PDB file of all heavy atoms in Angstrom:
ATOM      1  N   PRO A   1      87.063 -35.362  -6.110  1.00  0.00           N
ATOM      2  CA  PRO A   1      87.483 -36.768  -6.116  1.00  0.00           C
ATOM      3  C   PRO A   1      87.553 -37.336  -4.696  1.00  0.00           C
ATOM      4  O   PRO A   1      88.038 -36.679  -3.778  1.00  0.00           O
ATOM      5  CB  PRO A   1      88.879 -36.709  -6.749  1.00  0.00           C
ATOM      6  CG  PRO A   1      88.872 -35.470  -7.585  1.00  0.00           C
ATOM      7  CD  PRO A   1      88.014 -34.504  -6.838  1.00  0.00           C
ATOM      8  N   GLY A   2      87.047 -38.532  -4.549  1.00  0.00           N
ATOM      9  CA  GLY A   2      87.119 -39.206  -3.263  1.00  0.00           C
ATOM     10  C   GLY A   2      86.093 -38.733  -2.253  1.00  0.00           C
ATOM     11  O   GLY A   2      86.103 -39.186  -1.113  1.00  0.00           O
ATOM     12  N   GLY A   3      85.202 -37.823  -2.646  1.00  0.00           N
ATOM     13  CA  GLY A   3      84.177 -37.353  -1.721  1.00  0.00           C
ATOM     14  C   GLY A   3      84.729 -36.488  -0.603  1.00  0.00           C
ATOM     15  O   GLY A   3      84.169 -36.459   0.494  1.00  0.00           O
ATOM     16  N   GLY A   4      85.851 -35.805  -0.860  1.00  0.00           N
ATOM     17  CA  GLY A   4      86.492 -34.989   0.174  1.00  0.00           C
ATOM     18  C   GLY A   4      85.784 -33.652   0.405  1.00  0.00           C
ATOM     19  O   GLY A   4      84.641 -33.440  -0.014  1.00  0.00           O
ATOM     20  N   ILE A   5      86.469 -32.744   1.068  1.00  0.00           N
ATOM     21  CA  ILE A   5      85.896 -31.450   1.417  1.00  0.00           C
ATOM     22  C   ILE A   5      85.802 -30.590   0.165  1.00  0.00           C
ATOM     23  O   ILE A   5      86.787 -30.393  -0.548  1.00  0.00           O
ATOM     24  CB  ILE A   5      86.758 -30.713   2.464  1.00  0.00           C
ATOM     25  CG1 ILE A   5      87.101 -31.629   3.628  1.00  0.00           C
ATOM     26  CG2 ILE A   5      86.048 -29.448   2.942  1.00  0.00           C
ATOM     27  CD1 ILE A   5      85.921 -32.143   4.379  1.00  0.00           C
ATOM     28  N   HIS A   6      84.625 -30.090  -0.085  1.00  0.00           N
ATOM     29  CA  HIS A   6      84.433 -29.241  -1.259  1.00  0.00           C
ATOM     30  C   HIS A   6      85.047 -27.868  -1.000  1.00  0.00           C
ATOM     31  O   HIS A   6      84.954 -27.333   0.110  1.00  0.00           O
ATOM     32  CB  HIS A   6      82.933 -29.094  -1.562  1.00  0.00           C
ATOM     33  CG  HIS A   6      82.660 -28.641  -2.960  1.00  0.00           C
ATOM     34  ND1 HIS A   6      82.823 -27.340  -3.362  1.00  0.00           N
ATOM     35  CD2 HIS A   6      82.238 -29.327  -4.061  1.00  0.00           C
ATOM     36  CE1 HIS A   6      82.507 -27.228  -4.649  1.00  0.00           C
ATOM     37  NE2 HIS A   6      82.154 -28.422  -5.095  1.00  0.00           N
ATOM     38  N   PRO A   7      85.697 -27.263  -1.994  1.00  0.00           N
ATOM     39  CA  PRO A   7      86.258 -25.915  -1.818  1.00  0.00           C
ATOM     40  C   PRO A   7      85.219 -24.899  -1.344  1.00  0.00           C
ATOM     41  O   PRO A   7      85.544 -23.981  -0.605  1.00  0.00           O
ATOM     42  CB  PRO A   7      86.784 -25.558  -3.210  1.00  0.00           C
ATOM     43  CG  PRO A   7      87.077 -26.874  -3.845  1.00  0.00           C
ATOM     44  CD  PRO A   7      86.038 -27.822  -3.325  1.00  0.00           C
ATOM     45  N   LEU A   8      83.979 -25.079  -1.775  1.00  0.00           N
ATOM     46  CA  LEU A   8      82.924 -24.171  -1.334  1.00  0.00           C
ATOM     47  C   LEU A   8      82.745 -24.252   0.183  1.00  0.00           C
ATOM     48  O   LEU A   8      82.568 -23.234   0.861  1.00  0.00           O
ATOM     49  CB  LEU A   8      81.604 -24.517  -2.039  1.00  0.00           C
ATOM     50  CG  LEU A   8      80.404 -23.637  -1.679  1.00  0.00           C
ATOM     51  CD1 LEU A   8      80.629 -22.221  -2.175  1.00  0.00           C
ATOM     52  CD2 LEU A   8      79.113 -24.205  -2.268  1.00  0.00           C
ATOM     53  N   THR A   9      82.815 -25.465   0.709  1.00  0.00           N
ATOM     54  CA  THR A   9      82.688 -25.649   2.156  1.00  0.00           C
ATOM     55  C   THR A   9      83.832 -24.971   2.893  1.00  0.00           C
ATOM     56  O   THR A   9      83.611 -24.264   3.893  1.00  0.00           O
ATOM     57  CB  THR A   9      82.688 -27.150   2.496  1.00  0.00           C
ATOM     58  OG1 THR A   9      81.690 -27.819   1.723  1.00  0.00           O
ATOM     59  CG2 THR A   9      82.414 -27.374   3.974  1.00  0.00           C
ATOM     60  N   ARG A  10      85.048 -25.196   2.421  1.00  0.00           N
ATOM     61  CA  ARG A  10      86.197 -24.564   3.072  1.00  0.00           C
ATOM     62  C   ARG A  10      86.077 -23.048   3.037  1.00  0.00           C
ATOM     63  O   ARG A  10      86.272 -22.365   4.050  1.00  0.00           O
ATOM     64  CB  ARG A  10      87.499 -24.989   2.376  1.00  0.00           C
ATOM     65  CG  ARG A  10      87.838 -26.467   2.518  1.00  0.00           C
ATOM     66  CD  ARG A  10      89.192 -26.750   1.869  1.00  0.00           C
ATOM     67  NE  ARG A  10      89.479 -28.167   1.834  1.00  0.00           N
ATOM     68  CZ  ARG A  10      89.997 -28.863   2.840  1.00  0.00           C
ATOM     69  NH1 ARG A  10      90.277 -28.246   3.976  1.00  0.00           N
ATOM     70  NH2 ARG A  10      90.238 -30.148   2.721  1.00  0.00           N
ATOM     71  N   TYR A  11      85.788 -22.525   1.870  1.00  0.00           N
ATOM     72  CA  TYR A  11      85.731 -21.075   1.711  1.00  0.00           C
ATOM     73  C   TYR A  11      84.654 -20.458   2.601  1.00  0.00           C
ATOM     74  O   TYR A  11      84.904 -19.519   3.361  1.00  0.00           O
ATOM     75  CB  TYR A  11      85.470 -20.714   0.250  1.00  0.00           C
ATOM     76  CG  TYR A  11      85.410 -19.219   0.020  1.00  0.00           C
ATOM     77  CD1 TYR A  11      86.570 -18.495  -0.226  1.00  0.00           C
ATOM     78  CD2 TYR A  11      84.203 -18.534   0.103  1.00  0.00           C
ATOM     79  CE1 TYR A  11      86.527 -17.124  -0.404  1.00  0.00           C
ATOM     80  CE2 TYR A  11      84.148 -17.160  -0.071  1.00  0.00           C
ATOM     81  CZ  TYR A  11      85.306 -16.459  -0.326  1.00  0.00           C
ATOM     82  OH  TYR A  11      85.260 -15.104  -0.492  1.00  0.00           O
ATOM     83  N   VAL A  12      83.450 -20.995   2.493  1.00  0.00           N
ATOM     84  CA  VAL A  12      82.319 -20.407   3.223  1.00  0.00           C
ATOM     85  C   VAL A  12      82.524 -20.508   4.724  1.00  0.00           C
ATOM     86  O   VAL A  12      82.301 -19.544   5.470  1.00  0.00           O
ATOM     87  CB  VAL A  12      80.998 -21.082   2.801  1.00  0.00           C
ATOM     88  CG1 VAL A  12      79.852 -20.642   3.715  1.00  0.00           C
ATOM     89  CG2 VAL A  12      80.673 -20.740   1.348  1.00  0.00           C
ATOM     90  N   MET A  13      82.967 -21.673   5.204  1.00  0.00           N
ATOM     91  CA  MET A  13      83.114 -21.836   6.652  1.00  0.00           C
ATOM     92  C   MET A  13      84.278 -21.007   7.204  1.00  0.00           C
ATOM     93  O   MET A  13      84.188 -20.467   8.316  1.00  0.00           O
ATOM     94  CB  MET A  13      83.293 -23.312   7.000  1.00  0.00           C
ATOM     95  CG  MET A  13      82.030 -24.138   6.822  1.00  0.00           C
ATOM     96  SD  MET A  13      80.559 -23.411   7.612  1.00  0.00           S
ATOM     97  CE  MET A  13      81.083 -23.293   9.318  1.00  0.00           C
ATOM     98  N   ASN A  14      85.370 -20.898   6.457  1.00  0.00           N
ATOM     99  CA  ASN A  14      86.454 -20.024   6.895  1.00  0.00           C
ATOM    100  C   ASN A  14      85.967 -18.575   6.957  1.00  0.00           C
ATOM    101  O   ASN A  14      86.266 -17.837   7.906  1.00  0.00           O
ATOM    102  CB  ASN A  14      87.651 -20.124   5.938  1.00  0.00           C
ATOM    103  CG  ASN A  14      88.460 -21.374   6.163  1.00  0.00           C
ATOM    104  OD1 ASN A  14      88.432 -21.950   7.248  1.00  0.00           O
ATOM    105  ND2 ASN A  14      89.177 -21.806   5.153  1.00  0.00           N
ATOM    106  N   TYR A  15      85.205 -18.196   5.954  1.00  0.00           N
ATOM    107  CA  TYR A  15      84.688 -16.830   5.869  1.00  0.00           C
ATOM    108  C   TYR A  15      83.761 -16.535   7.052  1.00  0.00           C
ATOM    109  O   TYR A  15      83.894 -15.513   7.734  1.00  0.00           O
ATOM    110  CB  TYR A  15      83.930 -16.677   4.546  1.00  0.00           C
ATOM    111  CG  TYR A  15      83.730 -15.253   4.095  1.00  0.00           C
ATOM    112  CD1 TYR A  15      84.639 -14.646   3.234  1.00  0.00           C
ATOM    113  CD2 TYR A  15      82.631 -14.511   4.514  1.00  0.00           C
ATOM    114  CE1 TYR A  15      84.455 -13.345   2.797  1.00  0.00           C
ATOM    115  CE2 TYR A  15      82.435 -13.210   4.087  1.00  0.00           C
ATOM    116  CZ  TYR A  15      83.346 -12.629   3.226  1.00  0.00           C
ATOM    117  OH  TYR A  15      83.159 -11.341   2.807  1.00  0.00           O
ATOM    118  N   ILE A  16      82.840 -17.452   7.304  1.00  0.00           N
ATOM    119  CA  ILE A  16      81.878 -17.234   8.391  1.00  0.00           C
ATOM    120  C   ILE A  16      82.572 -17.274   9.749  1.00  0.00           C
ATOM    121  O   ILE A  16      82.216 -16.524  10.666  1.00  0.00           O
ATOM    122  CB  ILE A  16      80.748 -18.283   8.321  1.00  0.00           C
ATOM    123  CG1 ILE A  16      79.962 -18.138   7.019  1.00  0.00           C
ATOM    124  CG2 ILE A  16      79.803 -18.129   9.500  1.00  0.00           C
ATOM    125  CD1 ILE A  16      78.900 -19.198   6.817  1.00  0.00           C
ATOM    126  N   ALA A  17      83.574 -18.148   9.890  1.00  0.00           N
ATOM    127  CA  ALA A  17      84.299 -18.214  11.161  1.00  0.00           C
ATOM    128  C   ALA A  17      85.012 -16.903  11.444  1.00  0.00           C
ATOM    129  O   ALA A  17      85.039 -16.427  12.585  1.00  0.00           O
ATOM    130  CB  ALA A  17      85.305 -19.367  11.130  1.00  0.00           C
ATOM    131  N   PHE A  18      85.590 -16.288  10.409  1.00  0.00           N
ATOM    132  CA  PHE A  18      86.213 -14.986  10.586  1.00  0.00           C
ATOM    133  C   PHE A  18      85.161 -13.924  10.905  1.00  0.00           C
ATOM    134  O   PHE A  18      85.387 -13.037  11.731  1.00  0.00           O
ATOM    135  CB  PHE A  18      87.001 -14.583   9.342  1.00  0.00           C
ATOM    136  CG  PHE A  18      88.385 -15.156   9.287  1.00  0.00           C
ATOM    137  CD1 PHE A  18      88.703 -16.148   8.376  1.00  0.00           C
ATOM    138  CD2 PHE A  18      89.373 -14.702  10.143  1.00  0.00           C
ATOM    139  CE1 PHE A  18      89.976 -16.675   8.319  1.00  0.00           C
ATOM    140  CE2 PHE A  18      90.657 -15.227  10.089  1.00  0.00           C
ATOM    141  CZ  PHE A  18      90.961 -16.216   9.179  1.00  0.00           C
ATOM    142  N   LEU A  19      84.014 -14.026  10.254  1.00  0.00           N
ATOM    143  CA  LEU A  19      82.931 -13.074  10.533  1.00  0.00           C
ATOM    144  C   LEU A  19      82.486 -13.154  11.994  1.00  0.00           C
ATOM    145  O   LEU A  19      82.123 -12.141  12.598  1.00  0.00           O
ATOM    146  CB  LEU A  19      81.731 -13.348   9.619  1.00  0.00           C
ATOM    147  CG  LEU A  19      81.796 -12.837   8.188  1.00  0.00           C
ATOM    148  CD1 LEU A  19      80.525 -13.225   7.437  1.00  0.00           C
ATOM    149  CD2 LEU A  19      81.972 -11.316   8.149  1.00  0.00           C
ATOM    150  N   ALA A  20      82.518 -14.358  12.546  1.00  0.00           N
ATOM    151  CA  ALA A  20      82.077 -14.541  13.932  1.00  0.00           C
ATOM    152  C   ALA A  20      82.957 -13.763  14.905  1.00  0.00           C
ATOM    153  O   ALA A  20      82.510 -13.397  15.996  1.00  0.00           O
ATOM    154  CB  ALA A  20      82.077 -16.020  14.293  1.00  0.00           C
ATOM    155  N   ASP A  21      84.212 -13.489  14.522  1.00  0.00           N
ATOM    156  CA  ASP A  21      85.086 -12.683  15.381  1.00  0.00           C
ATOM    157  C   ASP A  21      84.588 -11.243  15.480  1.00  0.00           C
ATOM    158  O   ASP A  21      85.002 -10.504  16.378  1.00  0.00           O
ATOM    159  CB  ASP A  21      86.516 -12.692  14.838  1.00  0.00           C
ATOM    160  CG  ASP A  21      87.173 -14.056  14.987  1.00  0.00           C
ATOM    161  OD1 ASP A  21      86.713 -14.839  15.838  1.00  0.00           O
ATOM    162  OD2 ASP A  21      88.127 -14.336  14.248  1.00  0.00           O
ATOM    163  N   TYR A  22      83.747 -10.839  14.539  1.00  0.00           N
ATOM    164  CA  TYR A  22      83.189  -9.488  14.529  1.00  0.00           C
ATOM    165  C   TYR A  22      81.714  -9.514  14.945  1.00  0.00           C
ATOM    166  O   TYR A  22      80.931  -8.669  14.524  1.00  0.00           O
ATOM    167  CB  TYR A  22      83.290  -8.877  13.129  1.00  0.00           C
ATOM    168  CG  TYR A  22      84.695  -8.691  12.618  1.00  0.00           C
ATOM    169  CD1 TYR A  22      85.369  -9.725  11.970  1.00  0.00           C
ATOM    170  CD2 TYR A  22      85.367  -7.474  12.762  1.00  0.00           C
ATOM    171  CE1 TYR A  22      86.656  -9.551  11.476  1.00  0.00           C
ATOM    172  CE2 TYR A  22      86.641  -7.292  12.271  1.00  0.00           C
ATOM    173  CZ  TYR A  22      87.290  -8.332  11.631  1.00  0.00           C
ATOM    174  OH  TYR A  22      88.565  -8.155  11.153  1.00  0.00           O
ATOM    175  N   GLY A  23      81.348 -10.511  15.765  1.00  0.00           N
ATOM    176  CA  GLY A  23      79.937 -10.715  16.090  1.00  0.00           C
ATOM    177  C   GLY A  23      79.247  -9.470  16.613  1.00  0.00           C
ATOM    178  O   GLY A  23      78.167  -9.099  16.128  1.00  0.00           O
ATOM    179  N   ASP A  24      79.862  -8.781  17.581  1.00  0.00           N
ATOM    180  CA  ASP A  24      79.229  -7.594  18.163  1.00  0.00           C
ATOM    181  C   ASP A  24      79.105  -6.471  17.143  1.00  0.00           C
ATOM    182  O   ASP A  24      78.098  -5.763  17.087  1.00  0.00           O
ATOM    183  CB  ASP A  24      80.025  -7.104  19.378  1.00  0.00           C
ATOM    184  CG  ASP A  24      79.959  -8.078  20.537  1.00  0.00           C
ATOM    185  OD1 ASP A  24      79.022  -8.899  20.566  1.00  0.00           O
ATOM    186  OD2 ASP A  24      80.851  -8.031  21.406  1.00  0.00           O
ATOM    187  N   THR A  25      80.148  -6.298  16.337  1.00  0.00           N
ATOM    188  CA  THR A  25      80.119  -5.250  15.314  1.00  0.00           C
ATOM    189  C   THR A  25      79.054  -5.545  14.279  1.00  0.00           C
ATOM    190  O   THR A  25      78.282  -4.653  13.883  1.00  0.00           O
ATOM    191  CB  THR A  25      81.501  -5.139  14.636  1.00  0.00           C
ATOM    192  OG1 THR A  25      82.488  -4.871  15.637  1.00  0.00           O
ATOM    193  CG2 THR A  25      81.514  -4.030  13.609  1.00  0.00           C
ATOM    194  N   LEU A  26      78.978  -6.791  13.829  1.00  0.00           N
ATOM    195  CA  LEU A  26      77.957  -7.170  12.851  1.00  0.00           C
ATOM    196  C   LEU A  26      76.558  -7.025  13.431  1.00  0.00           C
ATOM    197  O   LEU A  26      75.630  -6.598  12.730  1.00  0.00           O
ATOM    198  CB  LEU A  26      78.182  -8.618  12.402  1.00  0.00           C
ATOM    199  CG  LEU A  26      79.289  -8.832  11.370  1.00  0.00           C
ATOM    200  CD1 LEU A  26      79.572 -10.322  11.213  1.00  0.00           C
ATOM    201  CD2 LEU A  26      78.902  -8.228  10.025  1.00  0.00           C
ATOM    202  N   ALA A  27      76.408  -7.361  14.707  1.00  0.00           N
ATOM    203  CA  ALA A  27      75.098  -7.220  15.348  1.00  0.00           C
ATOM    204  C   ALA A  27      74.637  -5.772  15.315  1.00  0.00           C
ATOM    205  O   ALA A  27      73.457  -5.480  15.106  1.00  0.00           O
ATOM    206  CB  ALA A  27      75.163  -7.721  16.787  1.00  0.00           C
ATOM    207  N   ASP A  28      75.580  -4.849  15.476  1.00  0.00           N
ATOM    208  CA  ASP A  28      75.254  -3.423  15.425  1.00  0.00           C
ATOM    209  C   ASP A  28      74.880  -3.011  14.005  1.00  0.00           C
ATOM    210  O   ASP A  28      73.938  -2.238  13.796  1.00  0.00           O
ATOM    211  CB  ASP A  28      76.449  -2.614  15.928  1.00  0.00           C
ATOM    212  CG  ASP A  28      76.181  -1.123  15.930  1.00  0.00           C
ATOM    213  OD1 ASP A  28      75.154  -0.710  16.493  1.00  0.00           O
ATOM    214  OD2 ASP A  28      76.993  -0.365  15.369  1.00  0.00           O
ATOM    215  N   ILE A  29      75.596  -3.538  13.028  1.00  0.00           N
ATOM    216  CA  ILE A  29      75.363  -3.146  11.630  1.00  0.00           C
ATOM    217  C   ILE A  29      74.030  -3.660  11.113  1.00  0.00           C
ATOM    218  O   ILE A  29      73.319  -2.958  10.380  1.00  0.00           O
ATOM    219  CB  ILE A  29      76.520  -3.662  10.746  1.00  0.00           C
ATOM    220  CG1 ILE A  29      77.815  -2.915  11.091  1.00  0.00           C
ATOM    221  CG2 ILE A  29      76.197  -3.514   9.269  1.00  0.00           C
ATOM    222  CD1 ILE A  29      79.046  -3.453  10.402  1.00  0.00           C
ATOM    223  N   VAL A  30      73.664  -4.888  11.469  1.00  0.00           N
ATOM    224  CA  VAL A  30      72.443  -5.505  10.910  1.00  0.00           C
ATOM    225  C   VAL A  30      71.294  -5.505  11.919  1.00  0.00           C
ATOM    226  O   VAL A  30      70.359  -6.288  11.794  1.00  0.00           O
ATOM    227  CB  VAL A  30      72.734  -6.938  10.421  1.00  0.00           C
ATOM    228  CG1 VAL A  30      73.830  -6.944   9.376  1.00  0.00           C
ATOM    229  CG2 VAL A  30      73.142  -7.851  11.599  1.00  0.00           C
ATOM    230  N   ALA A  31      71.370  -4.616  12.903  1.00  0.00           N
ATOM    231  CA  ALA A  31      70.374  -4.617  13.983  1.00  0.00           C
ATOM    232  C   ALA A  31      68.946  -4.482  13.472  1.00  0.00           C
ATOM    233  O   ALA A  31      68.026  -5.120  13.984  1.00  0.00           O
ATOM    234  CB  ALA A  31      70.694  -3.510  14.984  1.00  0.00           C
ATOM    235  N   ASP A  32      68.736  -3.659  12.456  1.00  0.00           N
ATOM    236  CA  ASP A  32      67.378  -3.428  11.953  1.00  0.00           C
ATOM    237  C   ASP A  32      67.142  -4.109  10.604  1.00  0.00           C
ATOM    238  O   ASP A  32      66.280  -3.723   9.831  1.00  0.00           O
ATOM    239  CB  ASP A  32      67.117  -1.929  11.823  1.00  0.00           C
ATOM    240  CG  ASP A  32      68.145  -1.242  10.927  1.00  0.00           C
ATOM    241  OD1 ASP A  32      69.169  -1.870  10.596  1.00  0.00           O
ATOM    242  OD2 ASP A  32      67.922  -0.066  10.559  1.00  0.00           O
ATOM    243  N   TRP A  33      67.927  -5.148  10.334  1.00  0.00           N
ATOM    244  CA  TRP A  33      67.839  -5.879   9.067  1.00  0.00           C
ATOM    245  C   TRP A  33      66.920  -7.084   9.260  1.00  0.00           C
ATOM    246  O   TRP A  33      67.118  -7.863  10.198  1.00  0.00           O
ATOM    247  CB  TRP A  33      69.239  -6.343   8.672  1.00  0.00           C
ATOM    248  CG  TRP A  33      69.424  -6.575   7.204  1.00  0.00           C
ATOM    249  CD1 TRP A  33      68.594  -6.220   6.204  1.00  0.00           C
ATOM    250  CD2 TRP A  33      70.560  -7.209   6.606  1.00  0.00           C
ATOM    251  NE1 TRP A  33      69.129  -6.589   5.006  1.00  0.00           N
ATOM    252  CE2 TRP A  33      70.328  -7.197   5.215  1.00  0.00           C
ATOM    253  CE3 TRP A  33      71.721  -7.782   7.103  1.00  0.00           C
ATOM    254  CZ2 TRP A  33      71.241  -7.742   4.322  1.00  0.00           C
ATOM    255  CZ3 TRP A  33      72.624  -8.318   6.210  1.00  0.00           C
ATOM    256  CH2 TRP A  33      72.383  -8.301   4.837  1.00  0.00           C
ATOM    257  N   PRO A  34      65.920  -7.272   8.389  1.00  0.00           N
ATOM    258  CA  PRO A  34      64.992  -8.411   8.551  1.00  0.00           C
ATOM    259  C   PRO A  34      65.729  -9.746   8.537  1.00  0.00           C
ATOM    260  O   PRO A  34      66.647  -9.961   7.750  1.00  0.00           O
ATOM    261  CB  PRO A  34      64.055  -8.279   7.348  1.00  0.00           C
ATOM    262  CG  PRO A  34      64.157  -6.852   6.927  1.00  0.00           C
ATOM    263  CD  PRO A  34      65.567  -6.441   7.226  1.00  0.00           C
ATOM    264  N   LEU A  35      65.303 -10.647   9.409  1.00  0.00           N
ATOM    265  CA  LEU A  35      65.904 -11.980   9.488  1.00  0.00           C
ATOM    266  C   LEU A  35      65.240 -12.920   8.499  1.00  0.00           C
ATOM    267  O   LEU A  35      64.033 -12.833   8.256  1.00  0.00           O
ATOM    268  CB  LEU A  35      65.753 -12.551  10.900  1.00  0.00           C
ATOM    269  CG  LEU A  35      66.638 -11.948  11.993  1.00  0.00           C
ATOM    270  CD1 LEU A  35      66.113 -12.351  13.361  1.00  0.00           C
ATOM    271  CD2 LEU A  35      68.073 -12.436  11.827  1.00  0.00           C
ATOM    272  N   ASN A  36      66.025 -13.837   7.928  1.00  0.00           N
ATOM    273  CA  ASN A  36      65.450 -14.904   7.116  1.00  0.00           C
ATOM    274  C   ASN A  36      64.810 -15.936   8.043  1.00  0.00           C
ATOM    275  O   ASN A  36      65.397 -16.314   9.057  1.00  0.00           O
ATOM    276  CB  ASN A  36      66.537 -15.576   6.270  1.00  0.00           C
ATOM    277  CG  ASN A  36      67.116 -14.635   5.234  1.00  0.00           C
ATOM    278  OD1 ASN A  36      66.399 -14.131   4.381  1.00  0.00           O
ATOM    279  ND2 ASN A  36      68.410 -14.381   5.319  1.00  0.00           N
ATOM    280  N   PRO A  37      63.609 -16.400   7.709  1.00  0.00           N
ATOM    281  CA  PRO A  37      62.940 -17.373   8.590  1.00  0.00           C
ATOM    282  C   PRO A  37      63.652 -18.720   8.577  1.00  0.00           C
ATOM    283  O   PRO A  37      63.864 -19.310   7.529  1.00  0.00           O
ATOM    284  CB  PRO A  37      61.535 -17.483   7.983  1.00  0.00           C
ATOM    285  CG  PRO A  37      61.703 -17.073   6.547  1.00  0.00           C
ATOM    286  CD  PRO A  37      62.804 -16.058   6.518  1.00  0.00           C
ATOM    287  N   LEU A  38      64.049 -19.182   9.755  1.00  0.00           N
ATOM    288  CA  LEU A  38      64.730 -20.469   9.887  1.00  0.00           C
ATOM    289  C   LEU A  38      63.760 -21.508  10.434  1.00  0.00           C
ATOM    290  O   LEU A  38      62.998 -21.212  11.357  1.00  0.00           O
ATOM    291  CB  LEU A  38      65.911 -20.350  10.850  1.00  0.00           C
ATOM    292  CG  LEU A  38      67.235 -19.841  10.294  1.00  0.00           C
ATOM    293  CD1 LEU A  38      68.191 -19.562  11.445  1.00  0.00           C
ATOM    294  CD2 LEU A  38      67.852 -20.836   9.336  1.00  0.00           C
ATOM    295  N   PRO A  39      63.756 -22.717   9.879  1.00  0.00           N
ATOM    296  CA  PRO A  39      62.924 -23.778  10.466  1.00  0.00           C
ATOM    297  C   PRO A  39      63.342 -24.022  11.914  1.00  0.00           C
ATOM    298  O   PRO A  39      64.527 -24.184  12.202  1.00  0.00           O
ATOM    299  CB  PRO A  39      63.240 -24.998   9.584  1.00  0.00           C
ATOM    300  CG  PRO A  39      63.856 -24.448   8.345  1.00  0.00           C
ATOM    301  CD  PRO A  39      64.539 -23.182   8.730  1.00  0.00           C
ATOM    302  N   GLN A  40      62.388 -24.020  12.818  1.00  0.00           N
ATOM    303  CA  GLN A  40      62.722 -24.198  14.235  1.00  0.00           C
ATOM    304  C   GLN A  40      63.348 -25.562  14.489  1.00  0.00           C
ATOM    305  O   GLN A  40      64.149 -25.728  15.393  1.00  0.00           O
ATOM    306  CB  GLN A  40      61.483 -24.010  15.104  1.00  0.00           C
ATOM    307  CG  GLN A  40      61.815 -23.918  16.583  1.00  0.00           C
ATOM    308  CD  GLN A  40      60.664 -23.397  17.397  1.00  0.00           C
ATOM    309  OE1 GLN A  40      59.721 -22.825  16.860  1.00  0.00           O
ATOM    310  NE2 GLN A  40      60.711 -23.603  18.696  1.00  0.00           N
ATOM    311  N   SER A  41      62.979 -26.534  13.642  1.00  0.00           N
ATOM    312  CA  SER A  41      63.565 -27.867  13.799  1.00  0.00           C
ATOM    313  C   SER A  41      65.049 -27.861  13.443  1.00  0.00           C
ATOM    314  O   SER A  41      65.814 -28.697  13.904  1.00  0.00           O
ATOM    315  CB  SER A  41      62.833 -28.864  12.898  1.00  0.00           C
ATOM    316  OG  SER A  41      62.927 -28.450  11.538  1.00  0.00           O
ATOM    317  N   TYR A  42      65.441 -26.897  12.597  1.00  0.00           N
ATOM    318  CA  TYR A  42      66.852 -26.803  12.201  1.00  0.00           C
ATOM    319  C   TYR A  42      67.665 -26.031  13.233  1.00  0.00           C
ATOM    320  O   TYR A  42      68.766 -26.414  13.600  1.00  0.00           O
ATOM    321  CB  TYR A  42      66.967 -26.120  10.840  1.00  0.00           C
ATOM    322  CG  TYR A  42      68.393 -25.754  10.473  1.00  0.00           C
ATOM    323  CD1 TYR A  42      69.290 -26.734  10.050  1.00  0.00           C
ATOM    324  CD2 TYR A  42      68.844 -24.435  10.583  1.00  0.00           C
ATOM    325  CE1 TYR A  42      70.606 -26.397   9.730  1.00  0.00           C
ATOM    326  CE2 TYR A  42      70.151 -24.097  10.267  1.00  0.00           C
ATOM    327  CZ  TYR A  42      71.025 -25.094   9.838  1.00  0.00           C
ATOM    328  OH  TYR A  42      72.325 -24.762   9.538  1.00  0.00           O
ATOM    329  N   TYR A  43      67.094 -24.921  13.704  1.00  0.00           N
ATOM    330  CA  TYR A  43      67.870 -24.087  14.616  1.00  0.00           C
ATOM    331  C   TYR A  43      66.962 -23.264  15.510  1.00  0.00           C
ATOM    332  O   TYR A  43      65.988 -22.661  15.060  1.00  0.00           O
ATOM    333  CB  TYR A  43      68.776 -23.129  13.830  1.00  0.00           C
ATOM    334  CG  TYR A  43      69.538 -22.181  14.726  1.00  0.00           C
ATOM    335  CD1 TYR A  43      70.599 -22.645  15.498  1.00  0.00           C
ATOM    336  CD2 TYR A  43      69.180 -20.842  14.818  1.00  0.00           C
ATOM    337  CE1 TYR A  43      71.297 -21.795  16.338  1.00  0.00           C
ATOM    338  CE2 TYR A  43      69.873 -19.981  15.654  1.00  0.00           C
ATOM    339  CZ  TYR A  43      70.933 -20.466  16.408  1.00  0.00           C
ATOM    340  OH  TYR A  43      71.607 -19.621  17.242  1.00  0.00           O
TER     341      TYR A  43
END
């Protein structure tokens, strides 16, 4: 209602923000994991 923040947005962004605190650890875990192709215009 009212076009406010969707619960999915809150959940996902809170989750990813917490994941970012483990950036170095995650980098080690997924070091040899194939990357999803991102449009260069996006990122």
